[in-house]
Amino acid sequence: MDFATENVLALVVGYLIGSIPFGFILTRLAGMGDVRKIGSGNIGATNVLRTGNKGLAAATLLLDLFKGLTPVLLARLWYPDAVGWAALGAVVGHCFPIWLRFKGGKGVATNAGVCFGLAWPIGLAYAFVWLGVLAGSRISSLAGMCAVVAAAIAAAVLGYEDYIAVLVVIAVLIIWLHRANIGRLMRGEEPKVGAAK
């Protein structure tokens, strides 16, 4: 199999796994309706938390993380030279799932799984920044954006040159998807996790 074909297959497998809309599925199965009709309208864990069900939000977070991790690990077995494409596919799949007319989440949890799959030190840097900023600010969007930038920096600093490009592309995508959040942050209007509605 040639290099280009491996890249395409890794991207497609990553996309299909990443596009499984766990937040949407879990809230439907729990009888809580369509998560896209509340809060931000996203299918990620932060919006699932707005249903008031912390268990569902935690399950969504873990499943979204694993759907980023899984295609990267599979690519390591099947197409080791195309791991970056699998990583990109997983995040793009979560953000633009074909099953939900390409309207998904913002990719932060899925990218956490991707980072751990690429290299555990990058994953640890991602988790440390994500959780640290979240604990300090209680603003989910800010924590996520800081984490995606930290992952790209960690790859450069720790010597994972092969992953810098894909992590930069993913960071740009995720920050672009947070553009409305950035506007609210600048206006001081971004809601905090656990704040009264």
C-alpha atoms as a PDB file:
ATOM      1  CA  MET A   1       0.000   0.000   0.000  1.00  0.00           C
ATOM      2  CA  ASP A   2       1.446   3.376  -0.977  1.00  0.00           C
ATOM      3  CA  PHE A   3       1.991   6.279   1.418  1.00  0.00           C
ATOM      4  CA  ALA A   4      -0.846   8.432   0.038  1.00  0.00           C
ATOM      5  CA  THR A   5      -3.372   5.605   0.377  1.00  0.00           C
ATOM      6  CA  GLU A   6      -2.312   4.985   3.972  1.00  0.00           C
ATOM      7  CA  ASN A   7      -2.800   8.668   4.768  1.00  0.00           C
ATOM      8  CA  VAL A   8      -6.284   8.683   3.274  1.00  0.00           C
ATOM      9  CA  LEU A   9      -7.309   5.496   5.058  1.00  0.00           C
ATOM     10  CA  ALA A  10      -5.972   6.760   8.385  1.00  0.00           C
ATOM     11  CA  LEU A  11      -7.847  10.039   7.911  1.00  0.00           C
ATOM     12  CA  VAL A  12     -11.099   8.253   7.029  1.00  0.00           C
ATOM     13  CA  VAL A  13     -10.874   5.768   9.915  1.00  0.00           C
ATOM     14  CA  GLY A  14     -10.080   8.620  12.287  1.00  0.00           C
ATOM     15  CA  TYR A  15     -13.003  10.635  10.961  1.00  0.00           C
ATOM     16  CA  LEU A  16     -15.523   7.794  11.252  1.00  0.00           C
ATOM     17  CA  ILE A  17     -14.522   6.972  14.834  1.00  0.00           C
ATOM     18  CA  GLY A  18     -14.326  10.635  15.810  1.00  0.00           C
ATOM     19  CA  SER A  19     -17.738  11.361  14.337  1.00  0.00           C
ATOM     20  CA  ILE A  20     -19.604   9.050  16.750  1.00  0.00           C
ATOM     21  CA  PRO A  21     -21.773  11.618  18.605  1.00  0.00           C
ATOM     22  CA  PHE A  22     -21.622  10.202  22.118  1.00  0.00           C
ATOM     23  CA  GLY A  23     -23.095  13.285  23.809  1.00  0.00           C
ATOM     24  CA  PHE A  24     -26.094  13.177  21.481  1.00  0.00           C
ATOM     25  CA  ILE A  25     -26.541   9.415  21.885  1.00  0.00           C
ATOM     26  CA  LEU A  26     -26.234   9.338  25.674  1.00  0.00           C
ATOM     27  CA  THR A  27     -28.657  12.189  26.302  1.00  0.00           C
ATOM     28  CA  ARG A  28     -31.182  10.620  23.939  1.00  0.00           C
ATOM     29  CA  LEU A  29     -30.861   7.220  25.613  1.00  0.00           C
ATOM     30  CA  ALA A  30     -31.296   8.873  29.013  1.00  0.00           C
ATOM     31  CA  GLY A  31     -34.557  10.444  27.854  1.00  0.00           C
ATOM     32  CA  MET A  32     -33.192  13.973  28.077  1.00  0.00           C
ATOM     33  CA  GLY A  33     -34.021  14.972  24.524  1.00  0.00           C
ATOM     34  CA  ASP A  34     -31.709  16.556  21.971  1.00  0.00           C
ATOM     35  CA  VAL A  35     -28.628  18.102  23.606  1.00  0.00           C
ATOM     36  CA  ARG A  36     -28.277  20.345  20.561  1.00  0.00           C
ATOM     37  CA  LYS A  37     -31.367  22.259  21.677  1.00  0.00           C
ATOM     38  CA  ILE A  38     -29.886  23.476  24.946  1.00  0.00           C
ATOM     39  CA  GLY A  39     -26.988  25.737  25.896  1.00  0.00           C
ATOM     40  CA  SER A  40     -24.424  26.136  23.148  1.00  0.00           C
ATOM     41  CA  GLY A  41     -26.056  23.501  20.953  1.00  0.00           C
ATOM     42  CA  ASN A  42     -22.864  21.427  20.899  1.00  0.00           C
ATOM     43  CA  ILE A  43     -22.653  17.695  21.556  1.00  0.00           C
ATOM     44  CA  GLY A  44     -19.619  17.823  23.849  1.00  0.00           C
ATOM     45  CA  ALA A  45     -19.340  17.175  27.578  1.00  0.00           C
ATOM     46  CA  THR A  46     -19.590  20.845  28.604  1.00  0.00           C
ATOM     47  CA  ASN A  47     -22.987  21.182  26.974  1.00  0.00           C
ATOM     48  CA  VAL A  48     -24.134  17.783  28.254  1.00  0.00           C
ATOM     49  CA  LEU A  49     -23.324  19.099  31.735  1.00  0.00           C
ATOM     50  CA  ARG A  50     -25.921  21.804  31.157  1.00  0.00           C
ATOM     51  CA  THR A  51     -28.593  19.101  31.296  1.00  0.00           C
ATOM     52  CA  GLY A  52     -27.765  18.860  35.003  1.00  0.00           C
ATOM     53  CA  ASN A  53     -26.645  15.243  34.728  1.00  0.00           C
ATOM     54  CA  LYS A  54     -22.997  15.106  35.835  1.00  0.00           C
ATOM     55  CA  GLY A  55     -22.782  11.365  35.207  1.00  0.00           C
ATOM     56  CA  LEU A  56     -23.763  11.755  31.569  1.00  0.00           C
ATOM     57  CA  ALA A  57     -21.321  14.632  31.183  1.00  0.00           C
ATOM     58  CA  ALA A  58     -18.487  12.539  32.655  1.00  0.00           C
ATOM     59  CA  ALA A  59     -19.352   9.602  30.403  1.00  0.00           C
ATOM     60  CA  THR A  60     -19.413  11.888  27.374  1.00  0.00           C
ATOM     61  CA  LEU A  61     -16.032  13.326  28.329  1.00  0.00           C
ATOM     62  CA  LEU A  62     -14.447   9.879  28.645  1.00  0.00           C
ATOM     63  CA  LEU A  63     -15.997   8.511  25.461  1.00  0.00           C
ATOM     64  CA  ASP A  64     -15.008  11.603  23.477  1.00  0.00           C
ATOM     65  CA  LEU A  65     -11.473  11.225  24.828  1.00  0.00           C
ATOM     66  CA  PHE A  66     -11.331   7.563  23.827  1.00  0.00           C
ATOM     67  CA  LYS A  67     -12.601   8.279  20.321  1.00  0.00           C
ATOM     68  CA  GLY A  68      -9.557  10.491  19.893  1.00  0.00           C
ATOM     69  CA  LEU A  69      -7.201   7.929  21.387  1.00  0.00           C
ATOM     70  CA  THR A  70      -8.525   4.886  19.500  1.00  0.00           C
ATOM     71  CA  PRO A  71      -7.834   5.881  15.874  1.00  0.00           C
ATOM     72  CA  VAL A  72      -4.342   7.068  16.767  1.00  0.00           C
ATOM     73  CA  LEU A  73      -3.537   3.715  18.399  1.00  0.00           C
ATOM     74  CA  LEU A  74      -5.054   1.844  15.457  1.00  0.00           C
ATOM     75  CA  ALA A  75      -2.967   3.884  13.042  1.00  0.00           C
ATOM     76  CA  ARG A  76       0.148   2.965  15.024  1.00  0.00           C
ATOM     77  CA  LEU A  77      -0.664  -0.689  14.310  1.00  0.00           C
ATOM     78  CA  TRP A  78      -1.858  -0.369  10.725  1.00  0.00           C
ATOM     79  CA  TYR A  79      -0.316   2.793   9.247  1.00  0.00           C
ATOM     80  CA  PRO A  80       2.481   4.015  11.551  1.00  0.00           C
ATOM     81  CA  ASP A  81       3.569   6.702   9.084  1.00  0.00           C
ATOM     82  CA  ALA A  82       0.038   8.154   8.947  1.00  0.00           C
ATOM     83  CA  VAL A  83      -0.648   8.624  12.667  1.00  0.00           C
ATOM     84  CA  GLY A  84      -0.992  12.391  12.266  1.00  0.00           C
ATOM     85  CA  TRP A  85      -3.735  11.957   9.678  1.00  0.00           C
ATOM     86  CA  ALA A  86      -5.676   9.654  11.999  1.00  0.00           C
ATOM     87  CA  ALA A  87      -5.359  12.276  14.748  1.00  0.00           C
ATOM     88  CA  LEU A  88      -6.650  15.029  12.489  1.00  0.00           C
ATOM     89  CA  GLY A  89      -9.486  12.841  11.243  1.00  0.00           C
ATOM     90  CA  ALA A  90     -10.670  12.099  14.784  1.00  0.00           C
ATOM     91  CA  VAL A  91     -10.923  15.768  15.753  1.00  0.00           C
ATOM     92  CA  VAL A  92     -12.531  16.787  12.451  1.00  0.00           C
ATOM     93  CA  GLY A  93     -15.016  13.928  12.832  1.00  0.00           C
ATOM     94  CA  HIS A  94     -16.055  15.127  16.280  1.00  0.00           C
ATOM     95  CA  CYS A  95     -16.416  18.721  15.144  1.00  0.00           C
ATOM     96  CA  PHE A  96     -18.176  17.925  11.855  1.00  0.00           C
ATOM     97  CA  PRO A  97     -19.935  14.523  12.192  1.00  0.00           C
ATOM     98  CA  ILE A  98     -21.629  13.328   9.042  1.00  0.00           C
ATOM     99  CA  TRP A  99     -24.407  11.757  11.149  1.00  0.00           C
ATOM    100  CA  LEU A 100     -25.506  15.155  12.515  1.00  0.00           C
ATOM    101  CA  ARG A 101     -25.241  17.170   9.313  1.00  0.00           C
ATOM    102  CA  PHE A 102     -21.689  18.197  10.184  1.00  0.00           C
ATOM    103  CA  LYS A 103     -22.682  20.032  13.374  1.00  0.00           C
ATOM    104  CA  GLY A 104     -20.795  18.579  16.315  1.00  0.00           C
ATOM    105  CA  GLY A 105     -18.671  19.687  19.236  1.00  0.00           C
ATOM    106  CA  LYS A 106     -15.507  21.754  19.547  1.00  0.00           C
ATOM    107  CA  GLY A 107     -12.987  18.949  19.836  1.00  0.00           C
ATOM    108  CA  VAL A 108     -11.296  19.643  23.176  1.00  0.00           C
ATOM    109  CA  ALA A 109     -11.886  16.246  24.824  1.00  0.00           C
ATOM    110  CA  THR A 110     -11.298  14.338  21.599  1.00  0.00           C
ATOM    111  CA  ASN A 111      -8.015  16.163  21.137  1.00  0.00           C
ATOM    112  CA  ALA A 112      -7.003  15.155  24.666  1.00  0.00           C
ATOM    113  CA  GLY A 113      -7.293  11.525  23.572  1.00  0.00           C
ATOM    114  CA  VAL A 114      -5.376  12.297  20.400  1.00  0.00           C
ATOM    115  CA  CYS A 115      -2.533  13.838  22.414  1.00  0.00           C
ATOM    116  CA  PHE A 116      -2.229  10.841  24.721  1.00  0.00           C
ATOM    117  CA  GLY A 117      -2.201   8.589  21.663  1.00  0.00           C
ATOM    118  CA  LEU A 118       0.526  10.582  19.928  1.00  0.00           C
ATOM    119  CA  ALA A 119       2.808  10.697  22.977  1.00  0.00           C
ATOM    120  CA  TRP A 120       1.915  10.475  26.655  1.00  0.00           C
ATOM    121  CA  PRO A 121       4.086  13.490  27.628  1.00  0.00           C
ATOM    122  CA  ILE A 122       2.092  15.638  25.208  1.00  0.00           C
ATOM    123  CA  GLY A 123      -1.100  14.227  26.703  1.00  0.00           C
ATOM    124  CA  LEU A 124       0.076  15.054  30.215  1.00  0.00           C
ATOM    125  CA  ALA A 125       0.931  18.616  29.197  1.00  0.00           C
ATOM    126  CA  TYR A 126      -2.514  18.939  27.623  1.00  0.00           C
ATOM    127  CA  ALA A 127      -4.283  17.582  30.712  1.00  0.00           C
ATOM    128  CA  PHE A 128      -2.196  19.678  33.129  1.00  0.00           C
ATOM    129  CA  VAL A 129      -2.962  22.936  31.328  1.00  0.00           C
ATOM    130  CA  TRP A 130      -6.607  22.045  30.681  1.00  0.00           C
ATOM    131  CA  LEU A 131      -7.335  21.110  34.287  1.00  0.00           C
ATOM    132  CA  GLY A 132      -5.151  23.862  35.736  1.00  0.00           C
ATOM    133  CA  VAL A 133      -6.778  26.672  33.769  1.00  0.00           C
ATOM    134  CA  LEU A 134     -10.232  25.209  34.394  1.00  0.00           C
ATOM    135  CA  ALA A 135      -9.581  25.051  38.142  1.00  0.00           C
ATOM    136  CA  GLY A 136      -8.257  28.601  38.188  1.00  0.00           C
ATOM    137  CA  SER A 137     -10.803  30.279  35.930  1.00  0.00           C
ATOM    138  CA  ARG A 138     -13.786  27.884  35.916  1.00  0.00           C
ATOM    139  CA  ILE A 139     -14.161  28.784  32.239  1.00  0.00           C
ATOM    140  CA  SER A 140     -14.298  25.663  30.086  1.00  0.00           C
ATOM    141  CA  SER A 141     -13.649  27.360  26.756  1.00  0.00           C
ATOM    142  CA  LEU A 142     -10.557  29.183  28.023  1.00  0.00           C
ATOM    143  CA  ALA A 143      -9.151  25.953  29.479  1.00  0.00           C
ATOM    144  CA  GLY A 144      -9.698  24.105  26.209  1.00  0.00           C
ATOM    145  CA  MET A 145      -8.068  26.758  24.058  1.00  0.00           C
ATOM    146  CA  CYS A 146      -5.062  27.006  26.367  1.00  0.00           C
ATOM    147  CA  ALA A 147      -4.694  23.224  26.297  1.00  0.00           C
ATOM    148  CA  VAL A 148      -4.653  22.908  22.518  1.00  0.00           C
ATOM    149  CA  VAL A 149      -1.978  25.580  22.255  1.00  0.00           C
ATOM    150  CA  ALA A 150       0.001  23.913  25.060  1.00  0.00           C
ATOM    151  CA  ALA A 151      -0.051  20.590  23.181  1.00  0.00           C
ATOM    152  CA  ALA A 152       1.585  22.097  20.093  1.00  0.00           C
ATOM    153  CA  ILE A 153       4.187  23.859  22.239  1.00  0.00           C
ATOM    154  CA  ALA A 154       4.852  20.665  24.212  1.00  0.00           C
ATOM    155  CA  ALA A 155       5.437  18.719  20.995  1.00  0.00           C
ATOM    156  CA  ALA A 156       8.047  21.283  19.938  1.00  0.00           C
ATOM    157  CA  VAL A 157       9.739  21.549  23.322  1.00  0.00           C
ATOM    158  CA  LEU A 158       9.788  17.807  24.027  1.00  0.00           C
ATOM    159  CA  GLY A 159      11.168  16.855  20.630  1.00  0.00           C
ATOM    160  CA  TYR A 160       8.106  15.364  18.919  1.00  0.00           C
ATOM    161  CA  GLU A 161       8.720  17.190  15.662  1.00  0.00           C
ATOM    162  CA  ASP A 162       6.560  14.811  13.627  1.00  0.00           C
ATOM    163  CA  TYR A 163       3.451  15.908  15.510  1.00  0.00           C
ATOM    164  CA  ILE A 164       3.934  19.673  15.622  1.00  0.00           C
ATOM    165  CA  ALA A 165       2.195  20.388  12.306  1.00  0.00           C
ATOM    166  CA  VAL A 166      -0.935  18.353  12.999  1.00  0.00           C
ATOM    167  CA  LEU A 167      -1.258  19.766  16.524  1.00  0.00           C
ATOM    168  CA  VAL A 168      -0.944  23.311  15.178  1.00  0.00           C
ATOM    169  CA  VAL A 169      -3.653  22.610  12.578  1.00  0.00           C
ATOM    170  CA  ILE A 170      -5.918  21.124  15.254  1.00  0.00           C
ATOM    171  CA  ALA A 171      -5.263  24.078  17.565  1.00  0.00           C
ATOM    172  CA  VAL A 172      -6.204  26.551  14.826  1.00  0.00           C
ATOM    173  CA  LEU A 173      -9.393  24.601  14.087  1.00  0.00           C
ATOM    174  CA  ILE A 174     -10.446  24.386  17.733  1.00  0.00           C
ATOM    175  CA  ILE A 175      -9.719  28.044  18.423  1.00  0.00           C
ATOM    176  CA  TRP A 176     -11.698  29.003  15.301  1.00  0.00           C
ATOM    177  CA  LEU A 177     -14.638  26.950  16.571  1.00  0.00           C
ATOM    178  CA  HIS A 178     -14.390  28.927  19.830  1.00  0.00           C
ATOM    179  CA  ARG A 179     -14.614  32.308  18.112  1.00  0.00           C
ATOM    180  CA  ALA A 180     -17.982  33.101  19.742  1.00  0.00           C
ATOM    181  CA  ASN A 181     -16.501  32.140  23.127  1.00  0.00           C
ATOM    182  CA  ILE A 182     -13.562  34.446  22.484  1.00  0.00           C
ATOM    183  CA  GLY A 183     -15.984  37.305  21.875  1.00  0.00           C
ATOM    184  CA  ARG A 184     -17.775  36.600  25.149  1.00  0.00           C
ATOM    185  CA  LEU A 185     -14.458  36.330  26.985  1.00  0.00           C
ATOM    186  CA  MET A 186     -13.438  39.747  25.707  1.00  0.00           C
ATOM    187  CA  ARG A 187     -16.757  41.185  26.873  1.00  0.00           C
ATOM    188  CA  GLY A 188     -16.564  39.403  30.236  1.00  0.00           C
ATOM    189  CA  GLU A 189     -19.723  37.447  29.431  1.00  0.00           C
ATOM    190  CA  GLU A 190     -18.408  33.874  29.132  1.00  0.00           C
ATOM    191  CA  PRO A 191     -20.241  31.635  31.636  1.00  0.00           C
ATOM    192  CA  LYS A 192     -18.317  29.760  34.276  1.00  0.00           C
ATOM    193  CA  VAL A 193     -18.705  26.075  35.026  1.00  0.00           C
ATOM    194  CA  GLY A 194     -21.108  25.648  37.939  1.00  0.00           C
ATOM    195  CA  ALA A 195     -22.312  29.251  37.828  1.00  0.00           C
ATOM    196  CA  ALA A 196     -25.997  29.933  38.356  1.00  0.00           C
ATOM    197  CA  LYS A 197     -27.904  30.263  35.105  1.00  0.00           C
END
